C-alpha atoms as a PDB file:
ATOM      1  CA  LEU A   1      -1.652 135.787 -29.880  1.00  0.00           C
ATOM      2  CA  HIS A   2      -1.810 134.367 -25.976  1.00  0.00           C
ATOM      3  CA  SER A   3      -5.142 134.916 -24.515  1.00  0.00           C
ATOM      4  CA  ALA A   4      -3.341 136.996 -21.801  1.00  0.00           C
ATOM      5  CA  ASN A   5      -1.789 139.138 -24.658  1.00  0.00           C
ATOM      6  CA  VAL A   6      -4.732 139.568 -26.061  1.00  0.00           C
ATOM      7  CA  SER A   7      -6.573 140.783 -23.143  1.00  0.00           C
ATOM      8  CA  GLU A   8      -3.358 143.332 -22.688  1.00  0.00           C
ATOM      9  CA  ALA A   9      -4.063 144.777 -26.346  1.00  0.00           C
ATOM     10  CA  VAL A  10      -7.358 145.072 -26.042  1.00  0.00           C
ATOM     11  CA  VAL A  11      -6.988 146.917 -22.344  1.00  0.00           C
ATOM     12  CA  SER A  12      -4.667 148.918 -24.345  1.00  0.00           C
ATOM     13  CA  THR A  13      -6.383 150.077 -27.457  1.00  0.00           C
ATOM     14  CA  GLN A  14      -9.319 150.567 -25.012  1.00  0.00           C
ATOM     15  CA  SER A  15      -7.250 152.970 -22.423  1.00  0.00           C
ATOM     16  CA  THR A  16      -5.083 154.523 -24.925  1.00  0.00           C
ATOM     17  CA  GLY A  17      -7.043 153.999 -28.158  1.00  0.00           C
ATOM     18  CA  ALA A  18      -4.485 152.264 -29.961  1.00  0.00           C
ATOM     19  CA  LYS A  19      -5.824 150.283 -33.175  1.00  0.00           C
ATOM     20  CA  THR A  20      -4.808 146.113 -33.074  1.00  0.00           C
ATOM     21  CA  ARG A  21      -3.947 144.913 -36.710  1.00  0.00           C
ATOM     22  CA  LYS A  22      -2.928 141.264 -37.627  1.00  0.00           C
ATOM     23  CA  ILE A  23       0.061 139.935 -39.362  1.00  0.00           C
ATOM     24  CA  ARG A  24       2.069 137.191 -40.567  1.00  0.00           C
ATOM     25  CA  ILE A  25       5.551 135.991 -39.845  1.00  0.00           C
ATOM     26  CA  ILE A  26       6.866 133.761 -42.359  1.00  0.00           C
ATOM     27  CA  ASN A  27      10.275 131.886 -41.569  1.00  0.00           C
ATOM     28  CA  THR A  28      11.691 131.557 -45.072  1.00  0.00           C
ATOM     29  CA  LEU A  29      14.316 128.810 -43.562  1.00  0.00           C
ATOM     30  CA  THR A  30      11.537 126.547 -41.840  1.00  0.00           C
ATOM     31  CA  SER A  31       8.355 127.631 -43.965  1.00  0.00           C
ATOM     32  CA  GLN A  32       6.460 128.208 -40.526  1.00  0.00           C
ATOM     33  CA  GLU A  33       3.916 130.818 -40.403  1.00  0.00           C
ATOM     34  CA  HIS A  34       2.570 132.710 -37.857  1.00  0.00           C
ATOM     35  CA  THR A  35      -0.133 135.075 -37.617  1.00  0.00           C
ATOM     36  CA  LEU A  36       0.305 137.872 -34.425  1.00  0.00           C
ATOM     37  CA  GLU A  37      -1.906 140.768 -33.866  1.00  0.00           C
ATOM     38  CA  VAL A  38      -0.050 143.396 -33.006  1.00  0.00           C
ATOM     39  CA  CYS A  39      -0.742 147.407 -31.484  1.00  0.00           C
ATOM     40  CA  SER A  40      -0.459 149.988 -34.362  1.00  0.00           C
ATOM     41  CA  GLU A  41       2.125 151.665 -31.995  1.00  0.00           C
ATOM     42  CA  GLU A  42       4.611 148.420 -31.473  1.00  0.00           C
ATOM     43  CA  THR A  43       7.966 148.692 -33.234  1.00  0.00           C
ATOM     44  CA  LEU A  44       9.232 145.665 -34.502  1.00  0.00           C
ATOM     45  CA  GLU A  45      11.747 145.406 -31.761  1.00  0.00           C
ATOM     46  CA  GLU A  46       8.528 144.570 -29.365  1.00  0.00           C
ATOM     47  CA  ILE A  47       7.004 142.509 -31.772  1.00  0.00           C
ATOM     48  CA  LEU A  48      10.629 140.424 -32.453  1.00  0.00           C
ATOM     49  CA  ASN A  49      10.592 140.269 -28.383  1.00  0.00           C
ATOM     50  CA  ARG A  50       6.684 138.401 -28.357  1.00  0.00           C
ATOM     51  CA  PHE A  51       7.631 136.599 -31.460  1.00  0.00           C
ATOM     52  CA  TYR A  52      10.760 134.716 -29.589  1.00  0.00           C
ATOM     53  CA  LYS A  53       8.044 132.023 -27.893  1.00  0.00           C
ATOM     54  CA  TYR A  54       7.913 130.864 -31.514  1.00  0.00           C
ATOM     55  CA  ASN A  55      11.464 131.154 -32.352  1.00  0.00           C
ATOM     56  CA  LYS A  56      14.284 131.593 -29.794  1.00  0.00           C
ATOM     57  CA  HIS A  57      16.860 132.675 -32.520  1.00  0.00           C
ATOM     58  CA  ALA A  58      14.063 135.574 -33.820  1.00  0.00           C
ATOM     59  CA  ALA A  59      16.847 138.193 -33.185  1.00  0.00           C
ATOM     60  CA  SER A  60      19.340 136.052 -35.510  1.00  0.00           C
ATOM     61  CA  TYR A  61      16.981 136.880 -38.972  1.00  0.00           C
ATOM     62  CA  THR A  62      16.611 139.667 -40.944  1.00  0.00           C
ATOM     63  CA  TRP A  63      12.918 141.328 -40.742  1.00  0.00           C
ATOM     64  CA  LYS A  64      11.945 142.138 -44.840  1.00  0.00           C
ATOM     65  CA  TYR A  65       8.684 143.643 -46.038  1.00  0.00           C
ATOM     66  CA  ASN A  66       8.362 143.364 -50.001  1.00  0.00           C
ATOM     67  CA  GLY A  67      12.012 142.774 -49.936  1.00  0.00           C
ATOM     68  CA  THR A  68      13.137 145.887 -48.074  1.00  0.00           C
ATOM     69  CA  ASN A  69      14.816 145.337 -44.486  1.00  0.00           C
ATOM     70  CA  LEU A  70      12.829 146.689 -41.974  1.00  0.00           C
ATOM     71  CA  THR A  71      14.324 149.038 -39.218  1.00  0.00           C
ATOM     72  CA  MET A  72      13.471 147.272 -35.747  1.00  0.00           C
ATOM     73  CA  THR A  73      13.072 150.505 -33.464  1.00  0.00           C
ATOM     74  CA  LYS A  74      10.109 151.865 -36.355  1.00  0.00           C
ATOM     75  CA  THR A  75       6.378 150.471 -36.241  1.00  0.00           C
ATOM     76  CA  LEU A  76       5.066 148.521 -39.201  1.00  0.00           C
ATOM     77  CA  GLU A  77       3.403 151.994 -40.422  1.00  0.00           C
ATOM     78  CA  GLN A  78       6.974 153.974 -40.384  1.00  0.00           C
ATOM     79  CA  ASN A  79       8.243 150.834 -41.963  1.00  0.00           C
ATOM     80  CA  GLY A  80       5.974 151.055 -44.827  1.00  0.00           C
ATOM     81  CA  VAL A  81       3.593 148.580 -43.909  1.00  0.00           C
ATOM     82  CA  LYS A  82      -0.004 149.742 -44.434  1.00  0.00           C
ATOM     83  CA  ASP A  83      -3.007 148.895 -42.256  1.00  0.00           C
ATOM     84  CA  GLU A  84      -5.886 148.305 -44.814  1.00  0.00           C
ATOM     85  CA  ASP A  85      -7.932 147.055 -42.477  1.00  0.00           C
ATOM     86  CA  GLU A  86     -10.688 149.532 -43.337  1.00  0.00           C
ATOM     87  CA  GLU A  87     -10.061 149.517 -46.843  1.00  0.00           C
ATOM     88  CA  PHE A  88     -10.674 145.853 -47.102  1.00  0.00           C
ATOM     89  CA  TYR A  89     -13.954 146.106 -44.935  1.00  0.00           C
ATOM     90  CA  GLU A  90     -15.352 148.728 -47.411  1.00  0.00           C
ATOM     91  CA  LEU A  91     -14.454 146.242 -50.256  1.00  0.00           C
ATOM     92  CA  ASN A  92     -16.255 143.536 -48.554  1.00  0.00           C
ATOM     93  CA  PHE A  93     -12.951 141.694 -48.150  1.00  0.00           C
ATOM     94  CA  ASN A  94     -11.770 138.905 -45.908  1.00  0.00           C
ATOM     95  CA  GLU A  95      -8.851 140.802 -44.491  1.00  0.00           C
ATOM     96  CA  GLU A  96      -7.756 137.099 -43.110  1.00  0.00           C
ATOM     97  CA  ASP A  97      -6.648 136.792 -47.128  1.00  0.00           C
ATOM     98  CA  TRP A  98      -4.710 139.884 -47.158  1.00  0.00           C
ATOM     99  CA  LEU A  99      -2.848 140.114 -44.155  1.00  0.00           C
ATOM    100  CA  PRO A 100       0.605 141.911 -44.964  1.00  0.00           C
ATOM    101  CA  ALA A 101       3.556 138.834 -45.011  1.00  0.00           C
ATOM    102  CA  ILE A 102       6.743 139.889 -42.834  1.00  0.00           C
ATOM    103  CA  HIS A 103       9.268 137.280 -43.894  1.00  0.00           C
ATOM    104  CA  ILE A 104      12.226 136.981 -41.738  1.00  0.00           C
ATOM    105  CA  TYR A 105      15.790 135.418 -43.188  1.00  0.00           C
ATOM    106  CA  PHE A 106      18.128 133.560 -41.102  1.00  0.00           C
ATOM    107  CA  ASN A 107      21.807 134.964 -40.453  1.00  0.00           C
ATOM    108  CA  ASP A 108      23.911 132.524 -39.787  1.00  0.00           C
ATOM    109  CA  ASP A 109      25.547 134.073 -37.094  1.00  0.00           C
ATOM    110  CA  LEU A 110      25.723 131.521 -34.327  1.00  0.00           C
ATOM    111  CA  THR A 111      23.694 133.155 -31.816  1.00  0.00           C
ATOM    112  CA  GLU A 112      22.474 131.091 -28.833  1.00  0.00           C
ATOM    113  CA  ALA A 113      19.247 130.768 -27.511  1.00  0.00           C
END
């Protein structure tokens, strides 16, 4: 995350009790991978809007988790992307090794950036 976004996320978390978590977004066309810190309450649309800084054509992609299309108006949890941070902590796993991966697949729709 951009340092300003991290600060915003921390302030948001403190004032609303929202929890943040990390996810990986993997572009299946280019094999590029980005790790984002997101708030639990963010919808995929909101995450997409922040992802534009990495890919100006991000809306031209189908977003999937475990092979299932994600509903962009829902949160990660509502889309079945569980937040397992606490379980990994209890099991002494390094959460960085087990971040959920969202795969994005390019739709050849010729949108402009």
